[in-house]
N, C-alpha and C. Protein backbone atom coordinates (compact mmCIF):
# COMPACT_ATOMS: atom_id res chain seq x y z
N MET A 1 19.42 90.13 -51.19
CA MET A 1 20.21 88.95 -51.55
C MET A 1 19.59 87.68 -51.00
N TYR A 2 19.03 87.75 -49.77
CA TYR A 2 18.43 86.52 -49.25
C TYR A 2 17.12 86.21 -49.97
N THR A 3 16.50 87.22 -50.59
CA THR A 3 15.31 86.94 -51.41
C THR A 3 15.68 86.13 -52.64
N ALA A 4 16.79 86.50 -53.27
CA ALA A 4 17.27 85.72 -54.43
C ALA A 4 17.64 84.30 -54.02
N LYS A 5 18.25 84.17 -52.84
CA LYS A 5 18.61 82.84 -52.37
C LYS A 5 17.38 82.00 -52.07
N HIS A 6 16.35 82.62 -51.48
CA HIS A 6 15.11 81.91 -51.22
C HIS A 6 14.48 81.41 -52.52
N ALA A 7 14.52 82.25 -53.55
CA ALA A 7 13.96 81.86 -54.84
C ALA A 7 14.70 80.67 -55.44
N MET A 8 16.02 80.67 -55.30
CA MET A 8 16.82 79.57 -55.82
C MET A 8 16.55 78.28 -55.05
N LEU A 9 16.49 78.37 -53.72
CA LEU A 9 16.21 77.18 -52.91
C LEU A 9 14.81 76.64 -53.18
N TYR A 10 13.86 77.54 -53.38
CA TYR A 10 12.49 77.09 -53.72
C TYR A 10 12.48 76.34 -55.04
N LYS A 11 13.18 76.86 -56.03
CA LYS A 11 13.21 76.22 -57.34
C LYS A 11 13.90 74.86 -57.26
N HIS A 12 14.88 74.72 -56.41
CA HIS A 12 15.58 73.44 -56.26
C HIS A 12 14.70 72.39 -55.58
N LYS A 13 13.75 72.85 -54.74
CA LYS A 13 12.86 71.93 -54.05
C LYS A 13 11.58 71.66 -54.86
N VAL A 14 11.06 72.70 -55.49
CA VAL A 14 9.82 72.58 -56.27
C VAL A 14 10.18 72.86 -57.73
N HIS A 15 10.51 71.80 -58.47
CA HIS A 15 11.06 71.98 -59.82
C HIS A 15 10.03 72.56 -60.80
N HIS A 16 8.76 72.24 -60.58
CA HIS A 16 7.73 72.74 -61.50
C HIS A 16 7.20 74.11 -61.11
N GLY A 17 7.65 74.64 -59.95
CA GLY A 17 7.16 75.94 -59.49
C GLY A 17 7.87 77.11 -60.16
N THR A 18 7.26 78.26 -60.02
CA THR A 18 7.83 79.50 -60.59
C THR A 18 7.86 80.58 -59.52
N PRO A 19 9.03 81.06 -59.13
CA PRO A 19 9.10 82.14 -58.13
C PRO A 19 8.94 83.51 -58.78
N TYR A 20 8.13 84.35 -58.18
CA TYR A 20 7.95 85.74 -58.61
C TYR A 20 8.44 86.65 -57.49
N ILE A 21 9.18 87.68 -57.84
CA ILE A 21 9.72 88.61 -56.86
C ILE A 21 9.35 90.03 -57.26
N PHE A 22 8.56 90.69 -56.42
CA PHE A 22 8.26 92.11 -56.62
C PHE A 22 9.35 92.92 -55.91
N TYR A 23 9.88 93.92 -56.59
CA TYR A 23 10.97 94.71 -56.02
C TYR A 23 10.87 96.14 -56.52
N MET A 24 11.56 97.03 -55.81
CA MET A 24 11.73 98.41 -56.27
C MET A 24 13.18 98.66 -56.65
N ASP A 25 14.11 98.14 -55.84
CA ASP A 25 15.54 98.24 -56.13
C ASP A 25 16.19 96.93 -55.71
N ILE A 26 17.13 96.45 -56.53
CA ILE A 26 17.88 95.25 -56.20
C ILE A 26 19.20 95.68 -55.56
N ARG A 27 19.36 95.37 -54.29
CA ARG A 27 20.58 95.76 -53.57
C ARG A 27 21.59 94.63 -53.69
N ALA A 28 22.42 94.70 -54.71
CA ALA A 28 23.44 93.68 -54.96
C ALA A 28 24.79 94.39 -55.06
N GLY A 29 25.24 94.94 -53.94
CA GLY A 29 26.44 95.78 -53.96
C GLY A 29 27.72 95.10 -53.55
N GLY A 30 27.73 93.80 -53.32
CA GLY A 30 28.94 93.11 -52.90
C GLY A 30 29.61 92.37 -54.05
N LYS A 31 30.73 91.74 -53.73
CA LYS A 31 31.48 90.99 -54.73
C LYS A 31 30.69 89.78 -55.20
N MET A 32 30.48 89.66 -56.49
CA MET A 32 29.76 88.57 -57.14
C MET A 32 28.27 88.55 -56.77
N TYR A 33 27.77 89.63 -56.18
CA TYR A 33 26.35 89.68 -55.83
C TYR A 33 25.47 89.82 -57.07
N GLU A 34 25.89 90.68 -57.98
CA GLU A 34 25.10 90.86 -59.20
C GLU A 34 25.04 89.57 -60.00
N GLU A 35 26.16 88.85 -60.05
CA GLU A 35 26.18 87.56 -60.76
C GLU A 35 25.25 86.55 -60.08
N PHE A 36 25.16 86.62 -58.76
CA PHE A 36 24.28 85.72 -58.01
C PHE A 36 22.82 85.98 -58.38
N VAL A 37 22.44 87.25 -58.44
CA VAL A 37 21.07 87.59 -58.81
C VAL A 37 20.78 87.18 -60.24
N ARG A 38 21.75 87.41 -61.15
CA ARG A 38 21.55 87.02 -62.55
C ARG A 38 21.41 85.51 -62.68
N ARG A 39 22.11 84.77 -61.84
CA ARG A 39 21.99 83.31 -61.88
C ARG A 39 20.60 82.87 -61.45
N ALA A 40 20.04 83.57 -60.45
CA ALA A 40 18.68 83.25 -60.02
C ALA A 40 17.68 83.52 -61.13
N ILE A 41 17.93 84.58 -61.92
CA ILE A 41 17.01 84.93 -63.00
C ILE A 41 17.16 84.00 -64.19
N VAL A 42 18.41 83.73 -64.58
CA VAL A 42 18.65 82.95 -65.82
C VAL A 42 18.52 81.46 -65.57
N GLU A 43 19.23 80.95 -64.57
CA GLU A 43 19.28 79.50 -64.36
C GLU A 43 18.07 78.97 -63.60
N ASP A 44 17.60 79.70 -62.61
CA ASP A 44 16.48 79.22 -61.79
C ASP A 44 15.16 79.86 -62.17
N GLU A 45 15.15 80.68 -63.20
CA GLU A 45 13.93 81.23 -63.79
C GLU A 45 13.08 82.00 -62.78
N ALA A 46 13.77 82.79 -61.95
CA ALA A 46 13.05 83.68 -61.03
C ALA A 46 12.57 84.90 -61.80
N HIS A 47 11.30 85.21 -61.69
CA HIS A 47 10.70 86.34 -62.41
C HIS A 47 10.71 87.57 -61.51
N TYR A 48 11.52 88.55 -61.86
CA TYR A 48 11.59 89.80 -61.12
C TYR A 48 10.63 90.81 -61.75
N ILE A 49 9.76 91.37 -60.92
CA ILE A 49 8.77 92.35 -61.39
C ILE A 49 9.01 93.64 -60.61
N ARG A 50 9.34 94.68 -61.34
CA ARG A 50 9.61 95.95 -60.66
C ARG A 50 8.29 96.66 -60.38
N GLY A 51 7.94 96.72 -59.12
CA GLY A 51 6.70 97.35 -58.71
C GLY A 51 6.30 96.88 -57.32
N ARG A 52 5.35 97.58 -56.75
CA ARG A 52 4.89 97.23 -55.41
C ARG A 52 3.59 96.44 -55.50
N VAL A 53 3.41 95.56 -54.53
CA VAL A 53 2.17 94.80 -54.43
C VAL A 53 1.10 95.68 -53.80
N SER A 54 -0.06 95.74 -54.43
CA SER A 54 -1.14 96.59 -53.92
C SER A 54 -2.14 95.81 -53.08
N THR A 55 -2.40 94.54 -53.46
CA THR A 55 -3.44 93.77 -52.78
C THR A 55 -3.08 92.30 -52.77
N ILE A 56 -3.37 91.64 -51.65
CA ILE A 56 -3.26 90.18 -51.55
C ILE A 56 -4.54 89.67 -50.88
N TYR A 57 -5.22 88.75 -51.56
CA TYR A 57 -6.43 88.17 -50.98
C TYR A 57 -6.55 86.71 -51.41
N GLU A 58 -7.36 85.96 -50.70
CA GLU A 58 -7.51 84.53 -50.96
C GLU A 58 -8.74 84.27 -51.82
N LYS A 59 -8.58 83.37 -52.78
CA LYS A 59 -9.67 83.02 -53.68
C LYS A 59 -9.50 81.58 -54.14
N ASN A 60 -10.48 80.74 -53.82
CA ASN A 60 -10.48 79.33 -54.22
C ASN A 60 -9.20 78.60 -53.78
N GLY A 61 -8.78 78.86 -52.56
CA GLY A 61 -7.60 78.19 -52.03
C GLY A 61 -6.28 78.75 -52.52
N LYS A 62 -6.30 79.80 -53.30
CA LYS A 62 -5.09 80.43 -53.82
C LYS A 62 -4.95 81.84 -53.26
N LEU A 63 -3.74 82.33 -53.19
CA LEU A 63 -3.47 83.70 -52.80
C LEU A 63 -3.31 84.55 -54.06
N ILE A 64 -4.18 85.50 -54.24
CA ILE A 64 -4.14 86.36 -55.42
C ILE A 64 -3.31 87.60 -55.08
N VAL A 65 -2.23 87.78 -55.81
CA VAL A 65 -1.32 88.90 -55.61
C VAL A 65 -1.49 89.87 -56.76
N LYS A 66 -1.89 91.08 -56.46
CA LYS A 66 -2.07 92.11 -57.49
C LYS A 66 -1.01 93.19 -57.33
N GLY A 67 -0.43 93.58 -58.44
CA GLY A 67 0.57 94.63 -58.44
C GLY A 67 0.66 95.27 -59.81
N ALA A 68 1.78 95.94 -60.05
CA ALA A 68 1.99 96.61 -61.33
C ALA A 68 3.45 96.52 -61.71
N ASP A 69 3.70 96.33 -63.00
CA ASP A 69 5.06 96.28 -63.53
C ASP A 69 5.41 97.65 -64.07
N THR A 70 6.24 98.41 -63.34
CA THR A 70 6.56 99.77 -63.74
C THR A 70 7.47 99.82 -64.97
N LEU A 71 8.18 98.72 -65.26
CA LEU A 71 9.03 98.70 -66.45
C LEU A 71 8.22 98.52 -67.73
N LEU A 72 6.98 98.11 -67.59
CA LEU A 72 6.08 97.95 -68.74
C LEU A 72 4.98 99.00 -68.71
N GLY A 73 5.29 100.16 -68.19
CA GLY A 73 4.31 101.24 -68.17
C GLY A 73 3.21 101.03 -67.17
N ALA A 74 3.57 100.53 -65.97
CA ALA A 74 2.60 100.27 -64.90
C ALA A 74 1.51 99.29 -65.33
N LYS A 75 1.91 98.27 -66.08
CA LYS A 75 0.96 97.26 -66.52
C LYS A 75 0.50 96.43 -65.32
N PRO A 76 -0.82 96.25 -65.15
CA PRO A 76 -1.33 95.47 -64.01
C PRO A 76 -0.85 94.02 -64.08
N VAL A 77 -0.50 93.47 -62.93
CA VAL A 77 -0.03 92.10 -62.83
C VAL A 77 -0.86 91.39 -61.77
N GLU A 78 -1.32 90.19 -62.10
CA GLU A 78 -2.09 89.39 -61.15
C GLU A 78 -1.54 87.97 -61.16
N ILE A 79 -1.16 87.46 -59.98
CA ILE A 79 -0.52 86.16 -59.86
C ILE A 79 -1.28 85.31 -58.86
N GLU A 80 -1.58 84.07 -59.24
CA GLU A 80 -2.16 83.10 -58.32
C GLU A 80 -1.03 82.33 -57.65
N ALA A 81 -0.85 82.55 -56.38
CA ALA A 81 0.30 81.98 -55.67
C ALA A 81 -0.15 80.98 -54.62
N ASP A 82 0.69 79.96 -54.40
CA ASP A 82 0.47 79.01 -53.32
C ASP A 82 1.08 79.50 -52.01
N LEU A 83 2.10 80.33 -52.12
CA LEU A 83 2.80 80.82 -50.94
C LEU A 83 3.30 82.23 -51.20
N VAL A 84 3.09 83.13 -50.25
CA VAL A 84 3.58 84.50 -50.35
C VAL A 84 4.54 84.75 -49.19
N VAL A 85 5.74 85.21 -49.50
CA VAL A 85 6.77 85.46 -48.49
C VAL A 85 7.06 86.95 -48.45
N LEU A 86 7.02 87.53 -47.27
CA LEU A 86 7.34 88.94 -47.09
C LEU A 86 8.81 89.09 -46.79
N ALA A 87 9.53 89.84 -47.60
CA ALA A 87 10.97 90.08 -47.40
C ALA A 87 11.13 91.19 -46.36
N THR A 88 11.27 90.80 -45.11
CA THR A 88 11.34 91.77 -44.02
C THR A 88 12.78 92.22 -43.79
N ALA A 89 12.92 93.31 -43.09
CA ALA A 89 14.25 93.86 -42.80
C ALA A 89 14.85 93.15 -41.60
N GLY A 90 16.17 93.17 -41.51
CA GLY A 90 16.86 92.64 -40.34
C GLY A 90 16.84 93.66 -39.22
N VAL A 91 16.50 93.22 -38.02
CA VAL A 91 16.42 94.13 -36.87
C VAL A 91 17.31 93.59 -35.75
N ALA A 92 17.65 94.46 -34.84
CA ALA A 92 18.48 94.07 -33.69
C ALA A 92 17.65 93.31 -32.67
N ASN A 93 18.32 92.57 -31.79
CA ASN A 93 17.63 91.87 -30.72
C ASN A 93 16.93 92.87 -29.80
N HIS A 94 15.85 92.42 -29.18
CA HIS A 94 15.06 93.33 -28.36
C HIS A 94 15.82 93.83 -27.13
N ASP A 95 16.80 93.05 -26.66
CA ASP A 95 17.55 93.44 -25.45
C ASP A 95 18.93 93.98 -25.78
N SER A 96 19.18 94.32 -27.04
CA SER A 96 20.52 94.81 -27.41
C SER A 96 20.83 96.16 -26.77
N GLU A 97 19.84 97.00 -26.62
CA GLU A 97 20.07 98.32 -25.99
C GLU A 97 20.49 98.15 -24.53
N GLU A 98 19.82 97.25 -23.82
CA GLU A 98 20.18 97.00 -22.42
C GLU A 98 21.58 96.43 -22.30
N LEU A 99 21.94 95.51 -23.22
CA LEU A 99 23.28 94.93 -23.19
C LEU A 99 24.34 95.97 -23.49
N ALA A 100 24.08 96.85 -24.47
CA ALA A 100 25.03 97.90 -24.82
C ALA A 100 25.27 98.84 -23.64
N GLN A 101 24.22 99.16 -22.90
CA GLN A 101 24.38 100.04 -21.75
C GLN A 101 25.17 99.37 -20.63
N LYS A 102 24.99 98.06 -20.46
CA LYS A 102 25.75 97.35 -19.44
C LYS A 102 27.23 97.31 -19.78
N MET A 103 27.56 97.15 -21.06
CA MET A 103 28.95 97.07 -21.49
C MET A 103 29.54 98.43 -21.83
N HIS A 104 28.72 99.49 -21.74
CA HIS A 104 29.15 100.85 -22.09
C HIS A 104 29.64 100.90 -23.54
N VAL A 105 28.86 100.30 -24.42
CA VAL A 105 29.15 100.30 -25.85
C VAL A 105 28.14 101.19 -26.56
N SER A 106 28.60 101.97 -27.51
CA SER A 106 27.71 102.86 -28.25
C SER A 106 26.81 102.04 -29.18
N TYR A 107 25.62 102.57 -29.45
CA TYR A 107 24.70 101.94 -30.39
C TYR A 107 23.94 103.02 -31.15
N ASP A 108 23.41 102.63 -32.32
CA ASP A 108 22.75 103.61 -33.17
C ASP A 108 21.25 103.65 -32.89
N ALA A 109 20.53 104.40 -33.72
CA ALA A 109 19.10 104.57 -33.52
C ALA A 109 18.32 103.27 -33.70
N HIS A 110 18.90 102.32 -34.42
CA HIS A 110 18.23 101.03 -34.65
C HIS A 110 18.68 99.96 -33.67
N LYS A 111 19.43 100.36 -32.63
CA LYS A 111 19.89 99.49 -31.55
C LYS A 111 20.94 98.47 -31.99
N PHE A 112 21.63 98.76 -33.10
CA PHE A 112 22.81 97.97 -33.47
C PHE A 112 24.03 98.59 -32.82
N PHE A 113 24.98 97.75 -32.40
CA PHE A 113 26.19 98.25 -31.76
C PHE A 113 27.02 99.05 -32.75
N ALA A 114 27.62 100.13 -32.28
CA ALA A 114 28.38 101.03 -33.14
C ALA A 114 29.88 100.83 -32.94
N GLU A 115 30.61 100.83 -34.04
CA GLU A 115 32.06 100.70 -33.98
C GLU A 115 32.69 102.05 -33.64
N ALA A 116 33.96 102.01 -33.21
CA ALA A 116 34.65 103.24 -32.83
C ALA A 116 34.85 104.15 -34.03
N HIS A 117 35.20 103.56 -35.20
CA HIS A 117 35.37 104.32 -36.43
C HIS A 117 35.05 103.39 -37.60
N PRO A 118 34.21 103.81 -38.54
CA PRO A 118 33.80 102.88 -39.61
C PRO A 118 34.92 102.45 -40.54
N LYS A 119 36.00 103.24 -40.62
CA LYS A 119 37.10 102.90 -41.53
C LYS A 119 38.36 102.48 -40.78
N LEU A 120 38.74 103.23 -39.75
CA LEU A 120 39.99 102.96 -39.06
C LEU A 120 39.85 101.89 -37.98
N LYS A 121 38.67 101.78 -37.36
CA LYS A 121 38.45 100.80 -36.30
C LYS A 121 37.10 100.13 -36.52
N PRO A 122 36.97 99.31 -37.56
CA PRO A 122 35.65 98.75 -37.91
C PRO A 122 35.13 97.68 -36.96
N VAL A 123 36.02 97.04 -36.17
CA VAL A 123 35.56 95.99 -35.25
C VAL A 123 35.77 96.37 -33.79
N GLU A 124 36.30 97.55 -33.52
CA GLU A 124 36.55 98.00 -32.16
C GLU A 124 35.43 98.91 -31.69
N THR A 125 35.22 98.94 -30.40
CA THR A 125 34.24 99.83 -29.80
C THR A 125 34.97 100.91 -28.99
N ASN A 126 34.20 101.85 -28.46
CA ASN A 126 34.81 102.89 -27.64
C ASN A 126 35.27 102.35 -26.29
N THR A 127 34.83 101.17 -25.92
CA THR A 127 35.26 100.54 -24.68
C THR A 127 36.39 99.57 -25.00
N ALA A 128 37.53 99.77 -24.39
CA ALA A 128 38.70 98.93 -24.67
C ALA A 128 38.43 97.48 -24.30
N GLY A 129 38.85 96.57 -25.19
CA GLY A 129 38.71 95.15 -24.94
C GLY A 129 37.43 94.53 -25.43
N ILE A 130 36.51 95.32 -25.97
CA ILE A 130 35.25 94.80 -26.50
C ILE A 130 35.24 95.02 -28.01
N PHE A 131 35.05 93.95 -28.77
CA PHE A 131 35.09 94.01 -30.23
C PHE A 131 33.78 93.49 -30.81
N LEU A 132 33.52 93.86 -32.05
CA LEU A 132 32.26 93.53 -32.71
C LEU A 132 32.50 92.57 -33.86
N ALA A 133 31.56 91.67 -34.06
CA ALA A 133 31.62 90.74 -35.20
C ALA A 133 30.22 90.24 -35.49
N GLY A 134 29.87 90.20 -36.75
CA GLY A 134 28.57 89.65 -37.14
C GLY A 134 27.45 90.66 -37.15
N ALA A 135 26.22 90.15 -37.07
CA ALA A 135 25.02 90.97 -37.26
C ALA A 135 24.68 91.83 -36.06
N CYS A 136 25.46 91.78 -34.97
CA CYS A 136 25.19 92.69 -33.86
C CYS A 136 25.54 94.13 -34.24
N GLN A 137 26.37 94.28 -35.26
CA GLN A 137 26.81 95.60 -35.70
C GLN A 137 25.87 96.17 -36.77
N ALA A 138 25.34 95.31 -37.62
CA ALA A 138 24.42 95.69 -38.69
C ALA A 138 24.02 94.40 -39.41
N PRO A 139 22.96 94.41 -40.20
CA PRO A 139 22.63 93.22 -40.99
C PRO A 139 23.78 92.86 -41.93
N LYS A 140 24.28 91.64 -41.83
CA LYS A 140 25.43 91.21 -42.62
C LYS A 140 25.18 89.83 -43.20
N ASP A 141 25.87 89.54 -44.30
CA ASP A 141 25.83 88.20 -44.86
C ASP A 141 27.00 87.39 -44.31
N ILE A 142 27.15 86.16 -44.79
CA ILE A 142 28.18 85.27 -44.26
C ILE A 142 29.59 85.80 -44.51
N PRO A 143 29.96 86.22 -45.73
CA PRO A 143 31.34 86.71 -45.94
C PRO A 143 31.68 87.92 -45.07
N GLU A 144 30.75 88.85 -44.91
CA GLU A 144 31.02 90.03 -44.06
C GLU A 144 31.17 89.62 -42.60
N SER A 145 30.35 88.67 -42.15
CA SER A 145 30.44 88.22 -40.77
C SER A 145 31.77 87.51 -40.51
N VAL A 146 32.20 86.68 -41.46
CA VAL A 146 33.47 85.97 -41.30
C VAL A 146 34.63 86.96 -41.28
N ALA A 147 34.60 87.96 -42.15
CA ALA A 147 35.67 88.96 -42.20
C ALA A 147 35.74 89.74 -40.89
N ALA A 148 34.58 90.14 -40.36
CA ALA A 148 34.56 90.88 -39.10
C ALA A 148 35.04 90.01 -37.94
N ALA A 149 34.63 88.73 -37.94
CA ALA A 149 35.06 87.83 -36.88
C ALA A 149 36.57 87.60 -36.93
N SER A 150 37.13 87.48 -38.14
CA SER A 150 38.58 87.33 -38.27
C SER A 150 39.31 88.55 -37.75
N GLY A 151 38.80 89.74 -38.09
CA GLY A 151 39.42 90.97 -37.60
C GLY A 151 39.35 91.09 -36.09
N ALA A 152 38.20 90.73 -35.51
CA ALA A 152 38.06 90.78 -34.05
C ALA A 152 38.99 89.78 -33.38
N ALA A 153 39.14 88.59 -33.98
CA ALA A 153 40.03 87.58 -33.40
C ALA A 153 41.48 88.06 -33.40
N VAL A 154 41.89 88.73 -34.47
CA VAL A 154 43.26 89.26 -34.54
C VAL A 154 43.47 90.32 -33.46
N LYS A 155 42.47 91.15 -33.24
CA LYS A 155 42.59 92.18 -32.19
C LYS A 155 42.73 91.54 -30.81
N VAL A 156 41.98 90.48 -30.58
CA VAL A 156 42.06 89.80 -29.28
C VAL A 156 43.43 89.14 -29.10
N VAL A 157 43.93 88.49 -30.16
CA VAL A 157 45.25 87.86 -30.08
C VAL A 157 46.33 88.90 -29.81
N ALA A 158 46.24 90.05 -30.49
CA ALA A 158 47.22 91.12 -30.25
C ALA A 158 47.12 91.64 -28.82
N LEU A 159 45.91 91.65 -28.27
CA LEU A 159 45.73 92.12 -26.90
C LEU A 159 46.34 91.15 -25.90
N PHE A 160 46.18 89.85 -26.15
CA PHE A 160 46.68 88.84 -25.21
C PHE A 160 48.15 88.50 -25.43
N SER A 161 48.73 88.99 -26.51
CA SER A 161 50.13 88.65 -26.78
C SER A 161 51.11 89.43 -25.92
N ASN A 162 50.64 90.47 -25.27
CA ASN A 162 51.50 91.30 -24.42
C ASN A 162 51.42 90.84 -22.97
N ASP A 163 52.59 90.82 -22.32
CA ASP A 163 52.61 90.49 -20.89
C ASP A 163 52.02 91.59 -20.04
N GLU A 164 52.15 92.83 -20.51
CA GLU A 164 51.61 93.97 -19.79
C GLU A 164 50.82 94.84 -20.76
N LEU A 165 49.81 95.51 -20.24
CA LEU A 165 48.96 96.39 -21.04
C LEU A 165 49.24 97.84 -20.68
N THR A 166 49.23 98.70 -21.68
CA THR A 166 49.44 100.13 -21.47
C THR A 166 48.10 100.77 -21.16
N ARG A 167 48.04 101.54 -20.12
CA ARG A 167 46.80 102.19 -19.74
C ARG A 167 47.00 103.69 -19.65
N GLU A 168 45.92 104.40 -19.57
CA GLU A 168 45.94 105.85 -19.45
C GLU A 168 46.54 106.25 -18.10
N PRO A 169 47.59 107.07 -18.06
CA PRO A 169 48.24 107.40 -16.78
C PRO A 169 47.42 108.33 -15.90
N LEU A 170 46.40 108.98 -16.43
CA LEU A 170 45.61 109.91 -15.63
C LEU A 170 44.45 109.17 -14.97
N ILE A 171 44.26 109.40 -13.68
CA ILE A 171 43.16 108.79 -12.96
C ILE A 171 42.40 109.88 -12.22
N ALA A 172 41.20 109.57 -11.79
CA ALA A 172 40.39 110.52 -11.04
C ALA A 172 40.38 110.15 -9.57
N MET A 173 40.44 111.16 -8.73
CA MET A 173 40.39 110.91 -7.29
C MET A 173 39.65 112.06 -6.63
N VAL A 174 39.19 111.83 -5.42
CA VAL A 174 38.46 112.84 -4.68
C VAL A 174 39.45 113.67 -3.86
N ASN A 175 39.41 114.96 -4.04
CA ASN A 175 40.26 115.87 -3.27
C ASN A 175 39.52 116.27 -1.99
N ARG A 176 39.91 115.72 -0.88
CA ARG A 176 39.23 116.00 0.38
C ARG A 176 39.76 117.25 1.08
N GLN A 177 40.73 117.93 0.45
CA GLN A 177 41.28 119.15 1.05
C GLN A 177 40.44 120.36 0.72
N SER A 178 39.49 120.21 -0.24
CA SER A 178 38.61 121.31 -0.64
C SER A 178 39.39 122.52 -1.10
N ALA A 179 40.42 122.27 -1.92
CA ALA A 179 41.22 123.38 -2.43
C ALA A 179 40.38 124.22 -3.38
N PRO A 180 40.43 125.54 -3.25
CA PRO A 180 39.55 126.39 -4.07
C PRO A 180 39.94 126.45 -5.54
N VAL A 181 41.13 125.94 -5.91
CA VAL A 181 41.55 126.07 -7.30
C VAL A 181 40.87 125.04 -8.19
N TYR A 182 40.26 124.04 -7.58
CA TYR A 182 39.59 123.01 -8.35
C TYR A 182 38.08 123.22 -8.31
N SER A 183 37.40 122.71 -9.33
CA SER A 183 35.94 122.84 -9.36
C SER A 183 35.31 121.84 -8.40
N ASN A 184 34.24 122.23 -7.74
CA ASN A 184 33.60 121.39 -6.73
C ASN A 184 32.82 120.26 -7.37
N CYS A 185 32.81 119.11 -6.72
CA CYS A 185 31.98 117.98 -7.13
C CYS A 185 30.62 118.14 -6.47
N VAL A 186 29.58 118.17 -7.26
CA VAL A 186 28.23 118.39 -6.73
C VAL A 186 27.50 117.09 -6.44
N GLY A 187 28.17 115.96 -6.65
CA GLY A 187 27.54 114.68 -6.34
C GLY A 187 26.49 114.23 -7.32
N CYS A 188 26.63 114.60 -8.59
CA CYS A 188 25.65 114.17 -9.60
C CYS A 188 25.87 112.73 -10.06
N PHE A 189 27.10 112.21 -9.86
CA PHE A 189 27.46 110.83 -10.17
C PHE A 189 27.33 110.51 -11.65
N LEU A 190 27.40 111.52 -12.52
CA LEU A 190 27.42 111.25 -13.96
C LEU A 190 28.71 110.54 -14.36
N CYS A 191 29.79 110.83 -13.64
CA CYS A 191 31.05 110.16 -13.95
C CYS A 191 30.93 108.65 -13.73
N GLU A 192 30.10 108.24 -12.79
CA GLU A 192 29.90 106.82 -12.52
C GLU A 192 29.19 106.13 -13.69
N SER A 193 28.23 106.81 -14.29
CA SER A 193 27.44 106.19 -15.37
C SER A 193 28.20 106.14 -16.69
N VAL A 194 29.13 107.07 -16.91
CA VAL A 194 29.84 107.11 -18.19
C VAL A 194 31.21 106.45 -18.14
N CYS A 195 31.67 106.04 -16.97
CA CYS A 195 32.99 105.42 -16.87
C CYS A 195 32.98 104.08 -17.60
N PRO A 196 33.80 103.91 -18.67
CA PRO A 196 33.77 102.65 -19.44
C PRO A 196 34.31 101.46 -18.67
N TYR A 197 35.01 101.68 -17.57
CA TYR A 197 35.61 100.59 -16.82
C TYR A 197 34.87 100.29 -15.51
N GLN A 198 33.81 101.06 -15.23
CA GLN A 198 33.03 100.89 -14.01
C GLN A 198 33.94 100.90 -12.78
N ALA A 199 34.89 101.83 -12.78
CA ALA A 199 35.90 101.89 -11.73
C ALA A 199 35.59 102.93 -10.66
N ILE A 200 34.47 103.61 -10.76
CA ILE A 200 34.14 104.67 -9.81
C ILE A 200 33.17 104.12 -8.77
N GLU A 201 33.51 104.33 -7.50
CA GLU A 201 32.67 103.89 -6.41
C GLU A 201 31.94 105.09 -5.80
N ARG A 202 30.70 104.87 -5.43
CA ARG A 202 29.90 105.94 -4.86
C ARG A 202 30.06 105.97 -3.33
N GLU A 203 30.27 107.17 -2.81
CA GLU A 203 30.39 107.35 -1.37
C GLU A 203 29.55 108.55 -0.96
N GLU A 204 28.57 108.33 -0.12
CA GLU A 204 27.68 109.39 0.31
C GLU A 204 28.30 110.13 1.49
N ILE A 205 28.47 111.44 1.32
CA ILE A 205 29.00 112.29 2.39
C ILE A 205 28.02 113.44 2.59
N LYS A 206 27.52 113.58 3.78
CA LYS A 206 26.51 114.59 4.05
C LYS A 206 27.14 115.93 4.43
N ASN A 207 26.44 117.00 4.06
CA ASN A 207 26.77 118.36 4.48
C ASN A 207 28.15 118.82 4.03
N ARG A 208 28.62 118.33 2.86
CA ARG A 208 29.88 118.84 2.33
C ARG A 208 29.97 118.47 0.86
N TYR A 209 30.85 119.15 0.13
CA TYR A 209 31.12 118.87 -1.26
C TYR A 209 32.51 118.28 -1.38
N ASP A 210 32.67 117.30 -2.22
CA ASP A 210 33.99 116.77 -2.54
C ASP A 210 34.37 117.25 -3.93
N GLU A 211 35.64 117.24 -4.17
CA GLU A 211 36.15 117.70 -5.44
C GLU A 211 36.86 116.56 -6.16
N VAL A 212 36.59 116.42 -7.45
CA VAL A 212 37.23 115.38 -8.26
C VAL A 212 38.27 116.04 -9.13
N ILE A 213 39.51 115.57 -9.04
CA ILE A 213 40.59 116.11 -9.85
C ILE A 213 41.27 114.98 -10.59
N LYS A 214 42.03 115.33 -11.63
CA LYS A 214 42.83 114.36 -12.36
C LYS A 214 44.26 114.42 -11.85
N THR A 215 44.81 113.28 -11.60
CA THR A 215 46.16 113.24 -11.07
C THR A 215 46.91 112.07 -11.68
N SER A 216 48.19 112.08 -11.58
CA SER A 216 49.03 111.01 -12.11
C SER A 216 49.38 110.06 -10.97
N PRO A 217 49.45 108.72 -11.28
CA PRO A 217 49.80 107.78 -10.22
C PRO A 217 51.17 108.06 -9.61
N GLY A 218 52.09 108.67 -10.40
CA GLY A 218 53.42 108.96 -9.86
C GLY A 218 53.42 110.24 -9.05
C-alpha cells in the first residue's frame, strides 16, 4: 500500500514522470485498499508489472531495470529509470527485544510485541496494565494504528476509573518451617525472572533449602 502511495506522490510532484512498479502480489486487503490501488493505476497512471526484477545497472547516467512481465508470457521488460526505490519490509526496532524482556511482555520471532489474544484481547498483553498500539505490535497503517490506540486508551480509562483494583488472592512466600509436604525450593530463581510484577526478592541462604508455597493473604 505504501508503494502505491509513493507512486501517487511521485506523480503529483513530477507531472511528466511515469512510475513503474514491479510486483508479485498486491496486498490490498483492507477497507477501500483495492480502490486506492486502482486510483493509482487509473488516475495517476502507475504502471504495474507483474514480475521480478533480474538486473539493475547504470548506463549513460540512467538506471537500467531489467525484468519480465509474467502476465504477457514472461515478456522481457527494460526500463530506463532516473530513480529506483526498493519496497522494503517493516521491521521492529533493534532494542524491542530488550524492552519486551524488561516489561515482561511476550514477543514473536520478528521481535514485535505479542498481544494476549489476537481476537479477544487485541491490545492487551500478558502483563497487566501494559497495552499495545501502533507498529510495535506489527506493521500497521494509519487507520489500524488509530483503532489500536483508541482501544488501548479505553482500556486505560477503564483501569483508572476504579478506586480499587482486583488482584489475584494467591501469593508466594517462603516456608521456613521446611515442612515435608511441600516441594523444596532449590534456589534456581526462575520465579524471579518470570514474575510479571517483579515482586520477588532474592535472599541468599547458605547450607539449607527454602520452600516456596502458595498461600492466601487471609
